[in-house]
Structures are given as C-alpha cells and as structure tokens.
Protein backbone atom coordinates (compact mmCIF):
# COMPACT_ATOMS: atom_id res chain seq x y z
CA MET A 1 -0.03 0.12 0.07
CA SER A 2 1.35 3.41 -1.23
CA MET A 3 1.74 6.47 1.22
CA VAL A 4 0.58 9.79 0.32
CA TYR A 5 2.16 13.07 1.85
CA LEU A 6 -0.28 16.07 2.44
CA LYS A 7 0.64 19.15 4.29
CA SER A 8 -2.06 21.57 5.45
CA PRO A 9 -2.30 25.17 3.92
CA SER A 10 -3.82 26.30 7.11
CA THR A 11 -3.07 27.31 10.58
CA ASP A 12 -6.48 27.21 11.87
CA PRO A 13 -7.04 24.54 14.46
CA ALA A 14 -10.69 23.93 13.66
CA PHE A 15 -9.88 23.45 9.98
CA ASN A 16 -6.87 21.13 10.58
CA LEU A 17 -8.70 18.91 12.71
CA ALA A 18 -11.84 18.84 9.97
CA LEU A 19 -8.88 18.01 7.49
CA GLU A 20 -7.75 15.09 9.76
CA GLN A 21 -11.43 13.74 9.79
CA TYR A 22 -12.00 14.31 5.97
CA VAL A 23 -8.55 12.61 4.87
CA PHE A 24 -9.73 9.44 7.24
CA ASP A 25 -13.47 9.39 6.13
CA LYS A 26 -13.36 10.47 2.55
CA LEU A 27 -9.91 10.03 0.71
CA ASP A 28 -8.90 6.73 -1.04
CA ARG A 29 -8.79 3.86 1.62
CA SER A 30 -6.30 1.95 -0.60
CA LYS A 31 -3.64 4.43 0.31
CA GLU A 32 -2.04 5.54 3.34
CA TYR A 33 -1.54 9.31 4.40
CA PHE A 34 1.16 11.09 6.23
CA MET A 35 0.32 14.73 7.20
CA LEU A 36 2.18 17.58 8.92
CA TRP A 37 0.28 20.47 10.06
CA GLN A 38 0.68 23.72 12.45
CA ASN A 39 -2.00 25.37 14.52
CA ASN A 40 -1.81 28.90 15.74
CA ASN A 41 -2.49 29.27 19.55
CA ALA A 42 -4.83 26.59 20.51
CA VAL A 43 -5.38 24.00 23.14
CA ILE A 44 -6.41 20.56 21.84
CA VAL A 45 -8.46 18.63 24.14
CA GLY A 46 -8.96 14.75 24.10
CA LYS A 47 -12.37 13.31 23.07
CA ASN A 48 -12.95 12.05 26.57
CA GLN A 49 -12.01 15.16 28.55
CA ASN A 50 -14.05 17.65 30.47
CA THR A 51 -12.77 20.74 28.77
CA PHE A 52 -13.84 23.03 31.64
CA GLY A 53 -11.35 21.13 33.97
CA GLU A 54 -8.35 21.17 31.50
CA VAL A 55 -7.96 25.02 30.64
CA ASN A 56 -7.54 28.17 32.27
CA PRO A 57 -10.17 30.33 31.06
CA LYS A 58 -8.88 33.50 32.14
CA ALA A 59 -5.63 32.99 30.13
CA ILE A 60 -7.57 31.34 27.15
CA GLU A 61 -9.79 34.69 26.92
CA GLU A 62 -6.95 37.06 27.33
CA LYS A 63 -4.52 35.51 24.92
CA GLY A 64 -7.23 34.50 22.26
CA VAL A 65 -6.45 30.97 22.29
CA LYS A 66 -9.15 28.56 20.35
CA VAL A 67 -10.00 25.43 22.34
CA ILE A 68 -10.88 22.36 20.00
CA ARG A 69 -11.94 18.88 20.87
CA ARG A 70 -10.38 16.13 18.70
CA LEU A 71 -11.73 12.57 17.86
CA SER A 72 -9.02 10.83 19.85
CA GLY A 73 -8.47 10.30 23.47
CA GLY A 74 -5.70 11.41 25.32
CA GLY A 75 -4.80 14.41 27.15
CA ALA A 76 -5.11 18.18 26.54
CA VAL A 77 -1.94 19.81 24.48
CA TYR A 78 -1.08 23.30 23.47
CA HIS A 79 -0.32 24.06 19.74
CA ASP A 80 1.47 27.25 18.64
CA LEU A 81 3.52 28.04 15.56
CA GLY A 82 6.66 26.44 17.33
CA ASN A 83 5.07 23.09 17.47
CA LEU A 84 4.67 20.80 14.41
CA ASN A 85 1.86 18.05 14.42
CA PHE A 86 2.13 14.91 12.42
CA THR A 87 -0.61 12.59 11.46
CA PHE A 88 -0.53 8.85 10.18
CA ILE A 89 -3.72 7.58 8.57
CA MET A 90 -3.77 3.56 7.38
CA ASP A 91 -5.37 0.38 7.88
CA ALA A 92 -5.04 -0.92 11.51
CA LYS A 93 -3.31 -4.07 11.71
CA ASP A 94 -5.47 -4.97 14.70
CA ALA A 95 -8.57 -2.94 15.06
CA SER A 96 -8.97 -4.09 18.74
CA ASP A 97 -5.87 -2.60 20.22
CA LEU A 98 -3.82 0.59 20.21
CA ASP A 99 -0.17 0.62 19.30
CA ILE A 100 1.34 4.19 19.79
CA LYS A 101 4.85 3.23 19.96
CA LEU A 102 4.82 2.19 16.24
CA PHE A 103 4.04 5.56 15.01
CA CYS A 104 6.17 7.55 17.59
CA GLN A 105 9.43 5.55 16.72
CA PRO A 106 10.17 7.14 13.19
CA VAL A 107 10.26 10.54 15.02
CA ALA A 108 12.27 9.47 18.00
CA SER A 109 14.84 7.76 15.65
CA LEU A 110 15.30 10.60 13.40
CA LEU A 111 15.92 13.06 16.21
CA GLN A 112 18.47 10.42 17.49
CA GLU A 113 20.13 10.80 14.15
CA LEU A 114 19.98 14.56 14.79
CA GLY A 115 21.52 14.41 18.13
CA ALA A 116 18.74 14.30 20.56
CA ASP A 117 18.54 11.22 22.53
CA ALA A 118 14.53 10.88 22.11
CA GLN A 119 12.92 7.98 23.69
CA VAL A 120 9.48 6.49 23.45
CA ASN A 121 8.22 6.50 26.87
CA GLY A 122 4.91 5.87 28.83
CA ARG A 123 1.61 5.45 27.38
CA ASN A 124 2.11 8.06 24.71
CA ASP A 125 5.08 10.55 25.21
CA ILE A 126 8.19 10.93 23.48
CA THR A 127 10.89 12.32 25.76
CA ILE A 128 14.48 13.81 25.85
CA GLU A 129 16.19 13.48 29.07
CA GLY A 130 13.10 12.53 30.81
CA LYS A 131 11.33 15.71 29.47
CA LYS A 132 8.25 15.23 27.22
CA PHE A 133 8.12 17.14 23.88
CA SER A 134 5.51 14.95 22.21
CA GLY A 135 1.98 13.80 23.17
CA ASN A 136 0.19 11.25 20.98
CA SER A 137 -3.16 9.60 20.46
CA GLN A 138 -5.17 7.33 18.24
CA TYR A 139 -8.33 6.99 16.52
CA LEU A 140 -9.96 3.79 15.25
CA LYS A 141 -12.86 3.43 13.10
CA GLU A 142 -14.07 0.74 10.50
CA GLY A 143 -10.67 -1.17 10.37
CA ARG A 144 -8.61 2.22 9.88
CA ILE A 145 -6.46 4.09 12.24
CA MET A 146 -5.37 7.79 12.64
CA HIS A 147 -2.47 8.43 14.87
CA HIS A 148 -1.52 12.01 15.43
CA GLY A 149 1.21 13.56 17.60
CA THR A 150 2.96 16.81 18.50
CA ILE A 151 6.56 17.98 18.15
CA MET A 152 7.09 20.82 20.37
CA PHE A 153 10.42 22.11 18.20
CA ASN A 154 10.38 25.66 19.62
CA SER A 155 7.26 26.35 21.18
CA ASP A 156 6.66 29.05 23.97
CA LEU A 157 6.72 26.91 27.29
CA ASP A 158 5.65 29.85 29.37
CA PHE A 159 2.51 29.99 27.11
CA VAL A 160 1.95 26.13 27.78
CA ALA A 161 2.17 26.74 31.54
CA ALA A 162 -0.35 29.55 31.38
CA VAL A 163 -3.32 28.24 29.45
CA LEU A 164 -3.37 24.57 30.50
CA ASN A 165 -4.91 23.52 33.79
CA VAL A 166 -2.40 21.11 35.36
CA ALA A 167 -3.69 18.56 37.60
CA GLY A 168 -2.24 18.14 41.07
CA ASP A 169 -2.03 14.31 40.61
CA LYS A 170 -0.13 14.43 37.54
CA PHE A 171 2.27 17.31 38.42
CA GLN A 172 4.02 18.26 41.73
CA SER A 173 2.22 21.53 41.69
CA LYS A 174 0.02 23.88 39.50
CA ALA A 175 2.71 26.57 39.15
CA ALA A 176 4.29 27.10 35.78
CA LYS A 177 7.74 25.89 36.91
CA SER A 178 6.17 22.54 37.51
CA VAL A 179 4.94 22.36 33.71
CA LYS A 180 8.24 23.64 32.50
CA SER A 181 10.36 21.30 34.50
CA ARG A 182 8.42 18.27 32.66
CA VAL A 183 8.21 19.56 29.14
CA THR A 184 10.79 20.83 26.66
CA ASN A 185 11.58 22.03 22.96
CA VAL A 186 13.52 19.74 20.56
CA LYS A 187 15.61 22.45 19.05
CA PRO A 188 18.16 22.93 22.02
CA PHE A 189 19.11 19.33 21.69
CA LEU A 190 20.08 19.16 17.98
CA LYS A 191 23.79 18.80 17.01
CA GLU A 192 23.44 21.56 14.58
CA GLU A 193 21.22 24.78 14.24
CA LEU A 194 17.98 23.66 12.38
CA SER A 195 15.06 25.61 11.52
CA LEU A 196 11.40 24.19 11.89
CA GLU A 197 11.09 24.28 8.29
CA ALA A 198 14.15 22.23 7.42
CA PHE A 199 13.11 19.82 10.25
CA GLN A 200 9.87 19.36 8.44
CA ASP A 201 11.87 18.85 5.22
CA LYS A 202 14.01 16.13 7.01
CA LEU A 203 11.01 14.38 8.67
CA VAL A 204 9.23 13.80 5.26
CA ALA A 205 12.59 12.48 3.64
CA TYR A 206 12.74 10.06 6.79
CA VAL A 207 9.49 8.64 6.58
CA PHE A 208 9.60 8.29 2.81
CA ALA A 209 13.15 7.10 2.72
CA GLU A 210 12.18 3.84 0.97
CA ASN A 211 9.66 5.18 -1.47
CA PRO A 212 9.21 8.19 -3.65
CA VAL A 213 7.04 11.11 -2.14
CA GLU A 214 3.71 11.02 -3.49
CA THR A 215 1.83 14.39 -2.57
CA TYR A 216 -1.75 15.21 -2.56
CA GLU A 217 -3.09 18.76 -3.27
CA LEU A 218 -6.48 19.76 -1.78
CA THR A 219 -8.87 20.74 -4.55
CA GLN A 220 -11.49 23.46 -4.19
CA LYS A 221 -13.88 20.60 -3.69
CA ASP A 222 -12.03 18.93 -1.00
CA ILE A 223 -11.76 22.30 0.93
CA ALA A 224 -15.41 23.19 0.66
CA ALA A 225 -16.10 19.66 2.35
CA ILE A 226 -13.70 20.30 5.02
CA GLU A 227 -15.11 23.57 5.57
CA LYS A 228 -18.39 22.02 6.11
CA ILE A 229 -17.26 19.53 8.65
CA LYS A 230 -15.47 22.31 10.52
CA GLU A 231 -18.63 24.28 10.85
CA GLU A 232 -20.54 21.63 11.64
CA ARG A 233 -18.35 20.08 14.48
CA TYR A 234 -15.14 21.64 15.31
CA ALA A 235 -16.53 25.32 15.18
CA GLN A 236 -19.33 24.22 17.53
CA TRP A 237 -19.44 25.09 21.19
CA ASP A 238 -21.54 21.77 21.86
CA TRP A 239 -18.47 19.93 20.56
CA ASN A 240 -15.55 21.75 21.98
CA TYR A 241 -17.15 22.26 25.56
CA GLY A 242 -20.48 20.94 25.62
CA LYS A 243 -23.14 21.01 28.20
CA SER A 244 -21.61 19.85 31.75
CA PRO A 245 -24.69 18.65 33.99
CA GLU A 246 -24.13 18.60 37.88
CA TYR A 247 -23.65 15.18 39.46
CA THR A 248 -24.45 14.04 43.01
CA VAL A 249 -21.18 11.97 43.02
CA GLN A 250 -17.69 12.54 41.39
CA LYS A 251 -14.92 10.16 41.60
CA GLU A 252 -11.36 10.62 40.07
CA ARG A 253 -8.30 8.41 40.09
CA ARG A 254 -5.24 8.25 38.05
CA ILE A 255 -4.23 4.51 37.20
CA ASP A 256 -0.74 3.69 35.94
CA GLY A 257 -1.06 2.46 32.36
CA CYS A 258 -4.39 4.01 31.77
CA GLY A 259 -4.47 7.76 32.84
CA LYS A 260 -6.99 9.74 34.66
CA ILE A 261 -10.42 8.63 34.93
CA GLU A 262 -13.25 10.77 36.40
CA ALA A 263 -16.74 9.13 36.80
CA HIS A 264 -19.69 11.73 37.26
CA MET A 265 -22.85 10.02 38.62
CA ASN A 266 -26.23 10.69 39.49
CA THR A 267 -27.70 8.22 42.12
CA LYS A 268 -31.01 7.54 43.92
CA ASP A 269 -31.78 4.99 46.50
CA GLY A 270 -28.06 3.57 46.01
CA ARG A 271 -28.71 2.87 42.24
CA ILE A 272 -26.89 4.60 39.24
CA VAL A 273 -29.50 6.89 37.38
CA GLU A 274 -26.74 8.59 35.25
CA VAL A 275 -23.03 8.10 34.64
CA LYS A 276 -20.54 9.80 32.39
CA PHE A 277 -16.80 9.11 32.16
CA TYR A 278 -14.09 11.91 31.51
CA GLY A 279 -10.45 11.80 31.35
CA ASP A 280 -7.08 11.32 29.14
CA PHE A 281 -7.43 7.69 28.92
CA PHE A 282 -7.61 5.85 25.49
CA GLY A 283 -10.06 3.41 24.30
CA VAL A 284 -11.07 1.37 21.20
CA CYS A 285 -14.67 1.37 21.99
CA ASP A 286 -17.40 4.17 22.94
CA HIS A 287 -17.51 4.42 26.67
CA ALA A 288 -21.17 5.30 26.50
CA GLU A 289 -21.81 1.61 26.19
CA VAL A 290 -20.47 1.18 29.62
CA SER A 291 -22.72 4.11 31.02
CA ASP A 292 -25.72 2.48 29.31
CA ALA A 293 -25.07 -0.98 30.96
CA LEU A 294 -24.53 0.89 34.33
CA ILE A 295 -27.95 2.55 34.37
CA GLY A 296 -30.33 1.16 37.21
CA CYS A 297 -27.25 -0.75 38.75
CA GLU A 298 -26.74 -0.87 42.46
CA LEU A 299 -23.53 0.34 44.01
CA LYS A 300 -22.34 -2.82 45.04
CA ARG A 301 -19.55 -5.01 43.73
CA GLU A 302 -21.58 -8.12 42.90
CA ALA A 303 -24.27 -5.89 40.94
CA LEU A 304 -21.46 -4.12 39.14
CA GLU A 305 -19.72 -7.34 38.35
CA LYS A 306 -23.02 -8.72 36.96
CA ALA A 307 -23.94 -5.66 34.81
CA LEU A 308 -20.34 -5.64 33.16
CA LYS A 309 -19.60 -9.43 32.89
CA ASN A 310 -20.10 -9.36 29.01
CA MET A 311 -18.12 -6.33 28.59
CA ASP A 312 -14.18 -6.21 27.90
CA ILE A 313 -13.34 -2.89 29.94
CA GLU A 314 -10.03 -2.54 28.58
CA LYS A 315 -11.43 -1.96 25.20
CA TYR A 316 -13.10 1.09 26.64
CA PHE A 317 -10.31 1.98 29.19
CA HIS A 318 -6.96 0.94 27.72
CA GLY A 319 -4.98 -0.38 30.67
CA LEU A 320 -7.60 -0.80 32.94
CA SER A 321 -9.00 -3.77 34.58
CA LEU A 322 -12.61 -4.71 35.68
CA ASP A 323 -11.50 -4.79 39.39
CA GLN A 324 -9.66 -1.53 38.93
CA PHE A 325 -12.87 0.04 37.22
CA ILE A 326 -15.28 -1.24 39.82
CA ASP A 327 -12.76 0.20 42.71
CA ILE A 328 -13.09 3.60 41.11
CA LEU A 329 -17.07 3.38 40.96
CA LEU A 330 -17.18 2.42 44.49
C-alpha cells in the first residue's frame, strides 16, 4: 500500500482537525497518508475530557487561544507555530488495540540521528532526558487508524504553562515551574542549528526514505467539504465544551498504564441513574456503552460485576482491569 504526503495549507485548528477527519473518512482507502500541519495558538483536548477542567479560562480569553476537541482520546495539548503536528492514517493491523509506539518511533529515531536522545516512553509520550516534547493519541474506526502527535520544536513554554490546568495528581504543583520542569523543546538538543521548516523536510524525507514522495494537493471541492465538517463540528461550542451537568457523586483516579478517569454519577436509592466518564484515557470502543450498561445498577461490587460481565473494560479504558474500574466507582 503506497503512502501519500499531505501538508495542510492552514493554521486554523478547527480547519486542521476537520482536515484530518476528511482524509480519514473520505480519501482513497487503498492508500496510507502522512500529514504535517501547524496550529496557531490552540488547546486541543481529548475526546473524553471535560474541557472546563483542562484549560485556564482567563488565560484562554486574554490570549485569544482557540479550544478544540479532537476525535481521539488522551490529554490536552497546547499548539503554537513553534509546534509541528504529524498524522498517520492507514489500515489498522489489529483494530482491537492501540500501538502508539509504532508511529512514534520514526520521530524518535530521526531525532536520535540529529543528536537528540529521544525515547518513546509511557503510554503516549516521546521524551528527551525525561522531559516530554511529544504527546500522541489514536482514533480507530472501521478498520482504519489515525495516529497524531505533537513535536514541540520551539514552542513558548511559558504559554503552555499559562493556558493549561495541570492536575495536582500528575504534576507536583500547578505552578508554571512544574510544567516547565517536565516539558521541553526539541531545538536545543540538536547537534546543528536547524529551522522548523528544515526539520519538516528532514521528517518527510525520513518517513519516505524507501519510497518516492507522492503528494496530494487539496482541491476546491476538498476544501469546501472540509469547511463543512469544520462548521458542523469543530467550530461548535457543544462539541468543544459541551453542556456539563452537575452530578451528585464525582470520583477521580489516576491509574498507571491507563491515565486519569473521572466518573460523574447521579444516584438515587443506591442505584446509578446516570454516569459519564471523562479523562485522558484511551479506548477503542465508545465508553457510552459502559454508561448505558450501568443505568439502574446498585452500587455494590456484585451488582456491578454482573452488569459488566459481558464487557471487556480494557476496550473502553485501555490499561484498566474490571476490578480497578469497579474500585473507582465504589
């Protein structure tokens, strides 16, 4: 299967997420796609996240930052023009699981050649000297996979610290110094001076090292279709923020290998009336199915085990066991 290179003509985050969706849903499925794109001042939140808990609203408003929700799980990331985003779209070898390292390794390997000791670590990070410069996530649908990641080449780290709310259980404090102590840019670690544009060229050459670069130019028809997706989803408040109802019970846990999970429950007479899940976890199935299965269930371990006995929890919350999931609810 041949791979096609596509570079976005826009720095509008809503357009670029619509572009990803368009390539994933509409372009020739007999081909694979590698995309590079940049966003101007944006926070991109994961599909499963509660947006209000992930951004600093005062800083967002003051700095004119756009907040857009993506199709994939994982955590919130900040984009500016010092950051480069990459996307792979192709057939999934196993549509029941996530293999983030497979797509991160080419980035890490290129950076190693350029003098930076980049390593693929944790669930979805690429780091240099233990500091994160790339967050990655994936979206699976109908046997196809979309993997996208960030590369903080020369981003404004002070800006990152200002616009993101950093959970106390993930970092030592919410102070800007805590954020800056755990993230880094790539540029200072390269053995030779390199512009972001030159790095893009090297990345494309590395990905297509064994094949000629076949490019795809968006037509006016393509752009019109992308703009339609943008207006119907990524420019909508309901998609990016959504209505957040109040809940009588809220639980939050961070599980190694899974991430943060928040369970927001309405209960009556010891039974679950409504439950929704938020967090930076990944999954290959829609966790709304788990919510539906729990409606009317007593908050007792035996009842929860019975309600969920036919569900593979790890498909909804990657890296989480059924016992761990029930522990969160209880």
